[in-house]
Amino acid sequence: MIRTLSRVAAIAIAAAGTLAFARLADAGALHPAWIGHSPIEAGRFGDAAPEEIAARKTTVTIFNNGDIYAVDNQPLRPTAFAISKPVRIAKITTYHWNYGEGTGRPGTIGLLSDTGYWYGPWRAAGEPGQGGVPNAYWVVAPNLTLPAGTYRVVDSDPATWSQNGGSKGAGIAIVDIYTR
């Protein structure tokens, strides 16, 4: 579901078999916050790689429902977090232990707002987990500002996305924001 607000429209763009969303300003120019956020651009945003952006700014974790306990696959409920003021998202990480198998290739991570707006999805980079499990951590660095609201983390492979009692059955995720 895509909603429009006065003078701002949301459009869906088919790309690489997934949907990417962009906001267009009045004159039809691409809003600067959306430039470089295609899922096709695996890990690059604008002219800087995520690690370069992160090195220039300070971040803080605003959501982390993970713990050190055993996990199962397939979340039983949505993974959601709320923010009370606009924040600039630095990084979103989802966990795919998959019973020690990890994943062959990372998929995508997106956000769905409580107002129906989609952000992303962004192609994730994979990082190894405990014992070298391949692509256990999927990481995206959206570098975009979200307005206050509640957001659901949407992972393209819920069958391998980890959850447990500590996460209350929600997919395990970490959300970091920029503080400056």
N, C-alpha and C. Protein backbone atom coordinates (compact mmCIF):
# COMPACT_ATOMS: atom_id res chain seq x y z
N MET A 1 0.85 -1.18 0.00
CA MET A 1 0.00 0.00 0.00
C MET A 1 0.89 1.23 0.00
N ILE A 2 0.68 2.12 -0.93
CA ILE A 2 1.46 3.35 -1.01
C ILE A 2 0.50 4.50 -0.81
N ARG A 3 0.87 5.39 0.09
CA ARG A 3 0.05 6.56 0.34
C ARG A 3 0.78 7.79 -0.16
N THR A 4 0.04 8.82 -0.50
CA THR A 4 0.67 10.07 -0.90
C THR A 4 0.28 11.16 0.07
N LEU A 5 1.21 12.07 0.30
CA LEU A 5 0.96 13.25 1.12
C LEU A 5 0.95 14.45 0.19
N SER A 6 0.51 15.60 0.71
CA SER A 6 0.48 16.77 -0.14
C SER A 6 1.88 17.07 -0.67
N ARG A 7 1.96 17.25 -1.98
CA ARG A 7 3.16 17.65 -2.69
C ARG A 7 4.28 16.62 -2.67
N VAL A 8 4.05 15.45 -2.13
CA VAL A 8 5.06 14.39 -2.17
C VAL A 8 4.37 13.11 -2.61
N ALA A 9 4.95 12.43 -3.57
CA ALA A 9 4.35 11.20 -4.07
C ALA A 9 5.32 10.07 -3.88
N ALA A 10 4.81 8.88 -3.69
CA ALA A 10 5.66 7.69 -3.60
C ALA A 10 5.40 6.85 -4.82
N ILE A 11 6.44 6.36 -5.45
CA ILE A 11 6.28 5.50 -6.61
C ILE A 11 7.07 4.22 -6.41
N ALA A 12 6.60 3.18 -7.01
CA ALA A 12 7.32 1.91 -6.93
C ALA A 12 8.07 1.71 -8.23
N ILE A 13 9.27 1.24 -8.12
CA ILE A 13 10.11 0.99 -9.29
C ILE A 13 10.52 -0.47 -9.25
N ALA A 14 10.22 -1.21 -10.29
CA ALA A 14 10.64 -2.61 -10.32
C ALA A 14 12.13 -2.65 -10.62
N ALA A 15 12.89 -3.38 -9.81
CA ALA A 15 14.34 -3.46 -10.03
C ALA A 15 14.83 -4.81 -9.54
N ALA A 16 15.45 -5.54 -10.41
CA ALA A 16 16.08 -6.81 -10.05
C ALA A 16 15.13 -7.75 -9.32
N GLY A 17 13.87 -7.74 -9.70
CA GLY A 17 12.91 -8.65 -9.11
C GLY A 17 12.41 -8.24 -7.73
N THR A 18 12.84 -7.09 -7.24
CA THR A 18 12.37 -6.59 -5.96
C THR A 18 11.77 -5.22 -6.20
N LEU A 19 11.19 -4.64 -5.19
CA LEU A 19 10.64 -3.31 -5.34
C LEU A 19 11.50 -2.31 -4.59
N ALA A 20 11.83 -1.24 -5.26
CA ALA A 20 12.52 -0.13 -4.62
C ALA A 20 11.54 1.03 -4.65
N PHE A 21 11.56 1.86 -3.66
CA PHE A 21 10.62 2.96 -3.61
C PHE A 21 11.37 4.28 -3.57
N ALA A 22 10.80 5.27 -4.22
CA ALA A 22 11.42 6.59 -4.24
C ALA A 22 10.35 7.63 -4.02
N ARG A 23 10.74 8.74 -3.41
CA ARG A 23 9.82 9.86 -3.22
C ARG A 23 10.20 10.93 -4.21
N LEU A 24 9.20 11.51 -4.83
CA LEU A 24 9.45 12.58 -5.78
C LEU A 24 8.95 13.89 -5.21
N ALA A 25 9.75 14.92 -5.34
CA ALA A 25 9.36 16.25 -4.88
C ALA A 25 8.46 16.90 -5.92
N ASP A 26 8.02 18.12 -5.65
CA ASP A 26 7.05 18.83 -6.49
C ASP A 26 7.37 18.79 -7.97
N ALA A 27 8.56 19.17 -8.35
CA ALA A 27 8.90 19.31 -9.76
C ALA A 27 9.29 18.00 -10.41
N GLY A 28 9.21 16.92 -9.68
CA GLY A 28 9.54 15.62 -10.24
C GLY A 28 11.00 15.26 -10.08
N ALA A 29 11.79 16.08 -9.42
CA ALA A 29 13.20 15.75 -9.20
C ALA A 29 13.30 14.70 -8.10
N LEU A 30 14.27 13.83 -8.21
CA LEU A 30 14.45 12.80 -7.20
C LEU A 30 14.91 13.44 -5.91
N HIS A 31 14.24 13.13 -4.83
CA HIS A 31 14.57 13.67 -3.52
C HIS A 31 15.98 13.23 -3.14
N PRO A 32 16.86 14.13 -2.67
CA PRO A 32 18.25 13.77 -2.37
C PRO A 32 18.39 12.61 -1.39
N ALA A 33 17.46 12.45 -0.47
CA ALA A 33 17.55 11.37 0.50
C ALA A 33 17.42 9.99 -0.14
N TRP A 34 16.93 9.94 -1.39
CA TRP A 34 16.71 8.65 -2.03
C TRP A 34 17.77 8.30 -3.06
N ILE A 35 18.64 9.23 -3.39
CA ILE A 35 19.65 8.98 -4.42
C ILE A 35 20.61 7.90 -3.94
N GLY A 36 20.83 6.90 -4.77
CA GLY A 36 21.80 5.86 -4.44
C GLY A 36 21.27 4.76 -3.55
N HIS A 37 19.97 4.61 -3.41
CA HIS A 37 19.43 3.60 -2.50
C HIS A 37 18.72 2.47 -3.23
N SER A 38 19.20 2.11 -4.38
CA SER A 38 18.62 1.00 -5.13
C SER A 38 19.15 -0.32 -4.62
N PRO A 39 18.32 -1.36 -4.56
CA PRO A 39 18.82 -2.66 -4.11
C PRO A 39 19.86 -3.24 -5.05
N ILE A 40 19.96 -2.69 -6.25
CA ILE A 40 20.94 -3.18 -7.22
C ILE A 40 22.35 -2.74 -6.83
N GLU A 41 22.46 -1.66 -6.07
CA GLU A 41 23.76 -1.08 -5.77
C GLU A 41 24.42 -1.72 -4.56
N ALA A 42 24.30 -2.99 -4.39
CA ALA A 42 24.84 -3.79 -3.30
C ALA A 42 25.89 -3.10 -2.45
N GLY A 43 25.46 -2.47 -1.38
CA GLY A 43 26.38 -1.96 -0.39
C GLY A 43 26.94 -0.57 -0.64
N ARG A 44 26.58 0.11 -1.72
CA ARG A 44 27.13 1.44 -1.96
C ARG A 44 26.00 2.46 -1.94
N PHE A 45 26.25 3.60 -1.33
CA PHE A 45 25.25 4.63 -1.19
C PHE A 45 25.87 5.96 -1.57
N GLY A 46 25.41 6.54 -2.65
CA GLY A 46 26.03 7.75 -3.15
C GLY A 46 27.45 7.42 -3.59
N ASP A 47 28.40 8.25 -3.21
CA ASP A 47 29.79 8.04 -3.60
C ASP A 47 30.61 7.35 -2.53
N ALA A 48 30.01 6.96 -1.40
CA ALA A 48 30.77 6.37 -0.31
C ALA A 48 30.22 5.00 0.06
N ALA A 49 31.12 4.10 0.39
CA ALA A 49 30.73 2.78 0.87
C ALA A 49 30.23 2.92 2.30
N PRO A 50 29.37 1.99 2.78
CA PRO A 50 28.82 2.09 4.13
C PRO A 50 29.89 2.26 5.21
N GLU A 51 31.00 1.53 5.08
CA GLU A 51 32.04 1.63 6.10
C GLU A 51 32.71 3.01 6.10
N GLU A 52 32.77 3.66 4.93
CA GLU A 52 33.33 5.01 4.86
C GLU A 52 32.39 6.01 5.52
N ILE A 53 31.08 5.85 5.28
CA ILE A 53 30.10 6.73 5.90
C ILE A 53 30.15 6.57 7.41
N ALA A 54 30.16 5.33 7.87
CA ALA A 54 30.17 5.06 9.31
C ALA A 54 31.41 5.63 9.97
N ALA A 55 32.55 5.60 9.29
CA ALA A 55 33.79 6.10 9.88
C ALA A 55 33.75 7.61 10.09
N ARG A 56 32.92 8.31 9.33
CA ARG A 56 32.84 9.76 9.44
C ARG A 56 31.82 10.23 10.47
N LYS A 57 31.00 9.35 10.97
CA LYS A 57 29.92 9.76 11.85
C LYS A 57 29.84 8.86 13.08
N THR A 58 29.26 9.36 14.15
CA THR A 58 29.07 8.60 15.37
C THR A 58 27.69 7.96 15.34
N THR A 59 27.60 6.69 15.76
CA THR A 59 26.33 6.00 15.76
C THR A 59 25.98 5.49 17.16
N VAL A 60 24.69 5.22 17.33
CA VAL A 60 24.19 4.61 18.55
C VAL A 60 23.10 3.61 18.17
N THR A 61 23.02 2.51 18.90
CA THR A 61 21.99 1.50 18.64
C THR A 61 20.69 1.93 19.32
N ILE A 62 19.61 1.98 18.53
CA ILE A 62 18.30 2.35 19.10
C ILE A 62 17.38 1.14 19.23
N PHE A 63 17.74 0.03 18.58
CA PHE A 63 16.94 -1.19 18.67
C PHE A 63 17.86 -2.38 18.54
N ASN A 64 17.73 -3.33 19.47
CA ASN A 64 18.50 -4.58 19.41
C ASN A 64 17.72 -5.62 20.21
N ASN A 65 17.09 -6.56 19.54
CA ASN A 65 16.31 -7.58 20.24
C ASN A 65 17.04 -8.93 20.26
N GLY A 66 18.35 -8.91 20.00
CA GLY A 66 19.13 -10.14 20.03
C GLY A 66 19.65 -10.46 21.42
N ASP A 67 20.08 -11.69 21.60
CA ASP A 67 20.69 -12.13 22.85
C ASP A 67 21.66 -13.26 22.54
N ILE A 68 22.21 -13.90 23.57
CA ILE A 68 23.21 -14.95 23.35
C ILE A 68 22.63 -16.36 23.35
N TYR A 69 21.33 -16.48 23.39
CA TYR A 69 20.70 -17.78 23.53
C TYR A 69 20.39 -18.43 22.18
N ALA A 70 20.10 -19.72 22.21
CA ALA A 70 19.81 -20.50 21.00
C ALA A 70 18.64 -19.88 20.24
N VAL A 71 18.68 -20.04 18.92
CA VAL A 71 17.65 -19.45 18.06
C VAL A 71 17.03 -20.51 17.16
N ASP A 72 15.85 -20.20 16.69
CA ASP A 72 15.16 -20.97 15.66
C ASP A 72 14.98 -20.06 14.45
N ASN A 73 14.57 -20.65 13.34
CA ASN A 73 14.27 -19.89 12.13
C ASN A 73 12.82 -19.42 12.14
N GLN A 74 12.49 -18.58 11.19
CA GLN A 74 11.13 -18.16 10.89
C GLN A 74 10.48 -17.37 12.03
N PRO A 75 10.59 -16.04 12.00
CA PRO A 75 9.93 -15.23 13.02
C PRO A 75 8.44 -15.55 13.14
N LEU A 76 7.96 -15.49 14.37
CA LEU A 76 6.56 -15.77 14.66
C LEU A 76 5.72 -14.49 14.67
N ARG A 77 6.38 -13.35 14.73
CA ARG A 77 5.68 -12.06 14.72
C ARG A 77 6.59 -11.01 14.10
N PRO A 78 6.04 -9.88 13.69
CA PRO A 78 6.84 -8.83 13.06
C PRO A 78 7.90 -8.25 14.00
N THR A 79 8.98 -7.79 13.41
CA THR A 79 10.03 -7.08 14.13
C THR A 79 9.78 -5.60 13.93
N ALA A 80 9.50 -4.87 15.01
CA ALA A 80 9.15 -3.46 14.88
C ALA A 80 9.85 -2.63 15.95
N PHE A 81 10.11 -1.37 15.58
CA PHE A 81 10.69 -0.42 16.52
C PHE A 81 10.00 0.92 16.30
N ALA A 82 10.03 1.77 17.34
CA ALA A 82 9.38 3.08 17.25
C ALA A 82 10.41 4.17 17.53
N ILE A 83 10.23 5.30 16.85
CA ILE A 83 11.06 6.47 17.10
C ILE A 83 10.15 7.67 17.34
N SER A 84 10.53 8.52 18.29
CA SER A 84 9.68 9.64 18.66
C SER A 84 10.04 10.94 17.94
N LYS A 85 11.16 10.94 17.23
CA LYS A 85 11.57 12.11 16.46
C LYS A 85 12.31 11.63 15.23
N PRO A 86 12.50 12.47 14.23
CA PRO A 86 13.24 12.03 13.04
C PRO A 86 14.66 11.58 13.40
N VAL A 87 15.10 10.50 12.76
CA VAL A 87 16.45 9.98 12.96
C VAL A 87 17.04 9.59 11.62
N ARG A 88 18.35 9.62 11.52
CA ARG A 88 19.06 9.20 10.30
C ARG A 88 19.57 7.79 10.54
N ILE A 89 19.05 6.83 9.77
CA ILE A 89 19.42 5.42 9.92
C ILE A 89 20.81 5.19 9.33
N ALA A 90 21.71 4.66 10.15
CA ALA A 90 23.07 4.36 9.72
C ALA A 90 23.17 2.93 9.22
N LYS A 91 22.58 1.99 9.98
CA LYS A 91 22.76 0.58 9.64
C LYS A 91 21.61 -0.24 10.22
N ILE A 92 21.20 -1.26 9.46
CA ILE A 92 20.23 -2.25 9.92
C ILE A 92 20.86 -3.61 9.71
N THR A 93 20.83 -4.44 10.74
CA THR A 93 21.41 -5.78 10.67
C THR A 93 20.34 -6.80 11.04
N THR A 94 20.23 -7.87 10.26
CA THR A 94 19.36 -9.00 10.63
C THR A 94 20.24 -10.24 10.77
N TYR A 95 19.77 -11.19 11.58
CA TYR A 95 20.57 -12.36 11.93
C TYR A 95 19.97 -13.62 11.31
N HIS A 96 20.82 -14.39 10.60
CA HIS A 96 20.40 -15.60 9.88
C HIS A 96 21.32 -16.76 10.25
N TRP A 97 21.22 -17.25 11.48
CA TRP A 97 22.03 -18.39 11.93
C TRP A 97 21.70 -19.63 11.12
N ASN A 98 20.41 -19.86 10.90
CA ASN A 98 19.93 -20.97 10.06
C ASN A 98 20.52 -22.30 10.49
N TYR A 99 20.47 -22.57 11.80
CA TYR A 99 20.95 -23.84 12.37
C TYR A 99 22.40 -24.12 11.99
N GLY A 100 23.22 -23.05 11.97
CA GLY A 100 24.64 -23.19 11.69
C GLY A 100 25.00 -23.23 10.22
N GLU A 101 24.01 -23.06 9.34
CA GLU A 101 24.26 -23.09 7.90
C GLU A 101 24.40 -21.70 7.29
N GLY A 102 23.93 -20.67 7.99
CA GLY A 102 23.94 -19.33 7.42
C GLY A 102 23.12 -19.29 6.15
N THR A 103 23.53 -18.44 5.22
CA THR A 103 22.83 -18.34 3.93
C THR A 103 23.85 -18.33 2.80
N GLY A 104 23.44 -18.79 1.64
CA GLY A 104 24.32 -18.79 0.48
C GLY A 104 24.62 -17.38 -0.01
N ARG A 105 23.63 -16.53 0.07
CA ARG A 105 23.77 -15.16 -0.41
C ARG A 105 22.81 -14.28 0.38
N PRO A 106 23.28 -13.12 0.85
CA PRO A 106 22.36 -12.23 1.56
C PRO A 106 21.27 -11.71 0.62
N GLY A 107 20.12 -11.44 1.19
CA GLY A 107 19.01 -10.89 0.42
C GLY A 107 18.88 -9.40 0.63
N THR A 108 17.66 -8.96 0.92
CA THR A 108 17.40 -7.54 1.10
C THR A 108 16.72 -7.29 2.44
N ILE A 109 16.86 -6.04 2.89
CA ILE A 109 16.19 -5.58 4.11
C ILE A 109 15.49 -4.27 3.76
N GLY A 110 14.25 -4.13 4.22
CA GLY A 110 13.51 -2.89 4.01
C GLY A 110 12.78 -2.50 5.28
N LEU A 111 12.14 -1.36 5.25
CA LEU A 111 11.34 -0.89 6.37
C LEU A 111 9.96 -0.52 5.87
N LEU A 112 8.94 -0.86 6.65
CA LEU A 112 7.56 -0.50 6.35
C LEU A 112 7.07 0.36 7.50
N SER A 113 6.67 1.60 7.20
CA SER A 113 6.20 2.50 8.26
C SER A 113 4.76 2.20 8.63
N ASP A 114 4.37 2.68 9.82
CA ASP A 114 3.00 2.49 10.27
C ASP A 114 2.00 3.28 9.42
N THR A 115 2.50 4.18 8.57
CA THR A 115 1.62 4.94 7.67
C THR A 115 1.55 4.31 6.29
N GLY A 116 2.25 3.19 6.09
CA GLY A 116 2.18 2.50 4.82
C GLY A 116 3.29 2.80 3.84
N TYR A 117 4.24 3.65 4.20
CA TYR A 117 5.37 3.94 3.30
C TYR A 117 6.41 2.85 3.39
N TRP A 118 6.94 2.45 2.24
CA TRP A 118 8.05 1.49 2.17
C TRP A 118 9.34 2.26 2.00
N TYR A 119 10.37 1.82 2.69
CA TYR A 119 11.73 2.35 2.52
C TYR A 119 12.61 1.15 2.16
N GLY A 120 13.33 1.28 1.03
CA GLY A 120 14.11 0.16 0.54
C GLY A 120 13.26 -0.66 -0.41
N PRO A 121 13.56 -1.93 -0.57
CA PRO A 121 14.58 -2.68 0.17
C PRO A 121 15.98 -2.39 -0.35
N TRP A 122 16.95 -2.65 0.51
CA TRP A 122 18.35 -2.47 0.17
C TRP A 122 19.02 -3.83 0.14
N ARG A 123 19.89 -4.04 -0.83
CA ARG A 123 20.65 -5.29 -0.93
C ARG A 123 21.63 -5.35 0.24
N ALA A 124 21.59 -6.43 0.98
CA ALA A 124 22.45 -6.58 2.16
C ALA A 124 23.81 -7.14 1.80
N ALA A 125 24.80 -6.75 2.58
CA ALA A 125 26.12 -7.36 2.53
C ALA A 125 26.12 -8.43 3.63
N GLY A 126 26.80 -9.53 3.40
CA GLY A 126 26.84 -10.60 4.38
C GLY A 126 28.11 -10.55 5.22
N GLU A 127 27.96 -10.88 6.50
CA GLU A 127 29.10 -11.00 7.41
C GLU A 127 29.01 -12.35 8.10
N PRO A 128 30.16 -13.01 8.34
CA PRO A 128 30.12 -14.33 8.96
C PRO A 128 29.67 -14.26 10.42
N GLY A 129 29.06 -15.35 10.87
CA GLY A 129 28.64 -15.47 12.25
C GLY A 129 29.62 -16.32 13.04
N GLN A 130 29.22 -16.71 14.23
CA GLN A 130 30.05 -17.53 15.11
C GLN A 130 30.54 -18.77 14.37
N GLY A 131 31.83 -19.07 14.50
CA GLY A 131 32.40 -20.24 13.86
C GLY A 131 32.53 -20.12 12.35
N GLY A 132 32.39 -18.90 11.82
CA GLY A 132 32.53 -18.69 10.38
C GLY A 132 31.30 -19.00 9.57
N VAL A 133 30.15 -19.11 10.23
CA VAL A 133 28.90 -19.38 9.51
C VAL A 133 28.70 -18.30 8.44
N PRO A 134 28.57 -18.70 7.16
CA PRO A 134 28.52 -17.72 6.08
C PRO A 134 27.25 -16.87 6.08
N ASN A 135 27.44 -15.58 5.92
CA ASN A 135 26.33 -14.63 5.78
C ASN A 135 25.29 -14.73 6.89
N ALA A 136 25.76 -14.96 8.11
CA ALA A 136 24.83 -15.03 9.24
C ALA A 136 24.26 -13.65 9.56
N TYR A 137 25.05 -12.62 9.34
CA TYR A 137 24.60 -11.25 9.55
C TYR A 137 24.39 -10.59 8.20
N TRP A 138 23.18 -10.06 7.98
CA TRP A 138 22.89 -9.28 6.79
C TRP A 138 22.90 -7.82 7.22
N VAL A 139 23.65 -6.98 6.50
CA VAL A 139 23.84 -5.60 6.91
C VAL A 139 23.56 -4.65 5.75
N VAL A 140 22.74 -3.64 6.02
CA VAL A 140 22.52 -2.56 5.06
C VAL A 140 22.82 -1.24 5.75
N ALA A 141 23.23 -0.26 4.96
CA ALA A 141 23.53 1.08 5.48
C ALA A 141 22.74 2.11 4.67
N PRO A 142 21.45 2.28 4.99
CA PRO A 142 20.58 3.14 4.19
C PRO A 142 20.96 4.62 4.16
N ASN A 143 21.48 5.14 5.28
CA ASN A 143 21.86 6.54 5.35
C ASN A 143 20.71 7.46 4.93
N LEU A 144 19.54 7.26 5.53
CA LEU A 144 18.38 8.09 5.23
C LEU A 144 17.66 8.48 6.51
N THR A 145 16.97 9.61 6.44
CA THR A 145 16.25 10.11 7.61
C THR A 145 14.81 9.60 7.58
N LEU A 146 14.40 9.04 8.72
CA LEU A 146 13.02 8.57 8.89
C LEU A 146 12.28 9.53 9.80
N PRO A 147 11.02 9.84 9.49
CA PRO A 147 10.22 10.64 10.42
C PRO A 147 9.80 9.81 11.63
N ALA A 148 9.35 10.47 12.67
CA ALA A 148 8.86 9.77 13.86
C ALA A 148 7.78 8.78 13.45
N GLY A 149 7.73 7.64 14.13
CA GLY A 149 6.72 6.64 13.81
C GLY A 149 7.18 5.26 14.22
N THR A 150 6.40 4.27 13.84
CA THR A 150 6.73 2.86 14.10
C THR A 150 7.08 2.21 12.78
N TYR A 151 8.13 1.42 12.78
CA TYR A 151 8.64 0.80 11.56
C TYR A 151 8.81 -0.70 11.76
N ARG A 152 8.41 -1.44 10.75
CA ARG A 152 8.60 -2.89 10.73
C ARG A 152 9.80 -3.21 9.85
N VAL A 153 10.71 -4.04 10.36
CA VAL A 153 11.86 -4.49 9.57
C VAL A 153 11.36 -5.64 8.70
N VAL A 154 11.62 -5.56 7.40
CA VAL A 154 11.16 -6.57 6.45
C VAL A 154 12.40 -7.22 5.82
N ASP A 155 12.55 -8.51 6.06
CA ASP A 155 13.69 -9.29 5.57
C ASP A 155 13.20 -10.18 4.43
N SER A 156 14.00 -10.28 3.36
CA SER A 156 13.57 -11.03 2.18
C SER A 156 13.59 -12.55 2.36
N ASP A 157 14.18 -13.05 3.44
CA ASP A 157 14.25 -14.50 3.65
C ASP A 157 13.84 -14.88 5.07
N PRO A 158 12.55 -14.75 5.39
CA PRO A 158 12.11 -15.08 6.75
C PRO A 158 12.34 -16.55 7.10
N ALA A 159 12.46 -17.43 6.13
CA ALA A 159 12.68 -18.86 6.42
C ALA A 159 14.02 -19.09 7.11
N THR A 160 15.01 -18.20 6.92
CA THR A 160 16.31 -18.35 7.58
C THR A 160 16.56 -17.28 8.64
N TRP A 161 15.64 -16.32 8.78
CA TRP A 161 15.80 -15.23 9.74
C TRP A 161 15.61 -15.79 11.14
N SER A 162 16.54 -15.52 12.03
CA SER A 162 16.51 -16.08 13.38
C SER A 162 15.57 -15.34 14.32
N GLN A 163 15.03 -16.10 15.27
CA GLN A 163 14.18 -15.57 16.34
C GLN A 163 14.32 -16.50 17.54
N ASN A 164 13.94 -16.02 18.71
CA ASN A 164 13.92 -16.87 19.91
C ASN A 164 13.02 -16.25 20.97
N GLY A 165 13.01 -16.85 22.15
CA GLY A 165 12.18 -16.35 23.24
C GLY A 165 12.58 -14.95 23.67
N GLY A 166 13.88 -14.67 23.63
CA GLY A 166 14.37 -13.34 24.00
C GLY A 166 13.85 -12.25 23.09
N SER A 167 13.64 -12.58 21.82
CA SER A 167 13.09 -11.61 20.87
C SER A 167 11.56 -11.68 20.83
N LYS A 168 11.01 -12.53 21.70
CA LYS A 168 9.55 -12.76 21.76
C LYS A 168 9.01 -13.25 20.42
N GLY A 169 9.85 -14.01 19.70
CA GLY A 169 9.43 -14.58 18.42
C GLY A 169 9.62 -13.67 17.22
N ALA A 170 10.06 -12.44 17.44
CA ALA A 170 10.30 -11.52 16.33
C ALA A 170 11.67 -11.82 15.72
N GLY A 171 11.84 -11.51 14.44
CA GLY A 171 13.13 -11.68 13.80
C GLY A 171 14.18 -10.81 14.49
N ILE A 172 15.36 -11.37 14.70
CA ILE A 172 16.41 -10.65 15.41
C ILE A 172 17.01 -9.59 14.48
N ALA A 173 17.06 -8.35 15.01
CA ALA A 173 17.55 -7.22 14.22
C ALA A 173 18.21 -6.20 15.14
N ILE A 174 19.07 -5.41 14.53
CA ILE A 174 19.73 -4.28 15.21
C ILE A 174 19.58 -3.07 14.30
N VAL A 175 19.21 -1.92 14.90
CA VAL A 175 19.08 -0.68 14.13
C VAL A 175 19.98 0.36 14.79
N ASP A 176 20.89 0.93 14.00
CA ASP A 176 21.80 1.97 14.47
C ASP A 176 21.48 3.27 13.76
N ILE A 177 21.59 4.40 14.50
CA ILE A 177 21.35 5.72 13.91
C ILE A 177 22.59 6.58 14.08
N TYR A 178 22.68 7.64 13.27
CA TYR A 178 23.74 8.62 13.42
C TYR A 178 23.35 9.60 14.52
N THR A 179 24.33 9.99 15.33
CA THR A 179 24.07 10.95 16.38
C THR A 179 24.57 12.33 16.01
N ARG A 180 25.33 12.45 14.96
CA ARG A 180 25.80 13.75 14.47
C ARG A 180 25.86 13.73 12.97
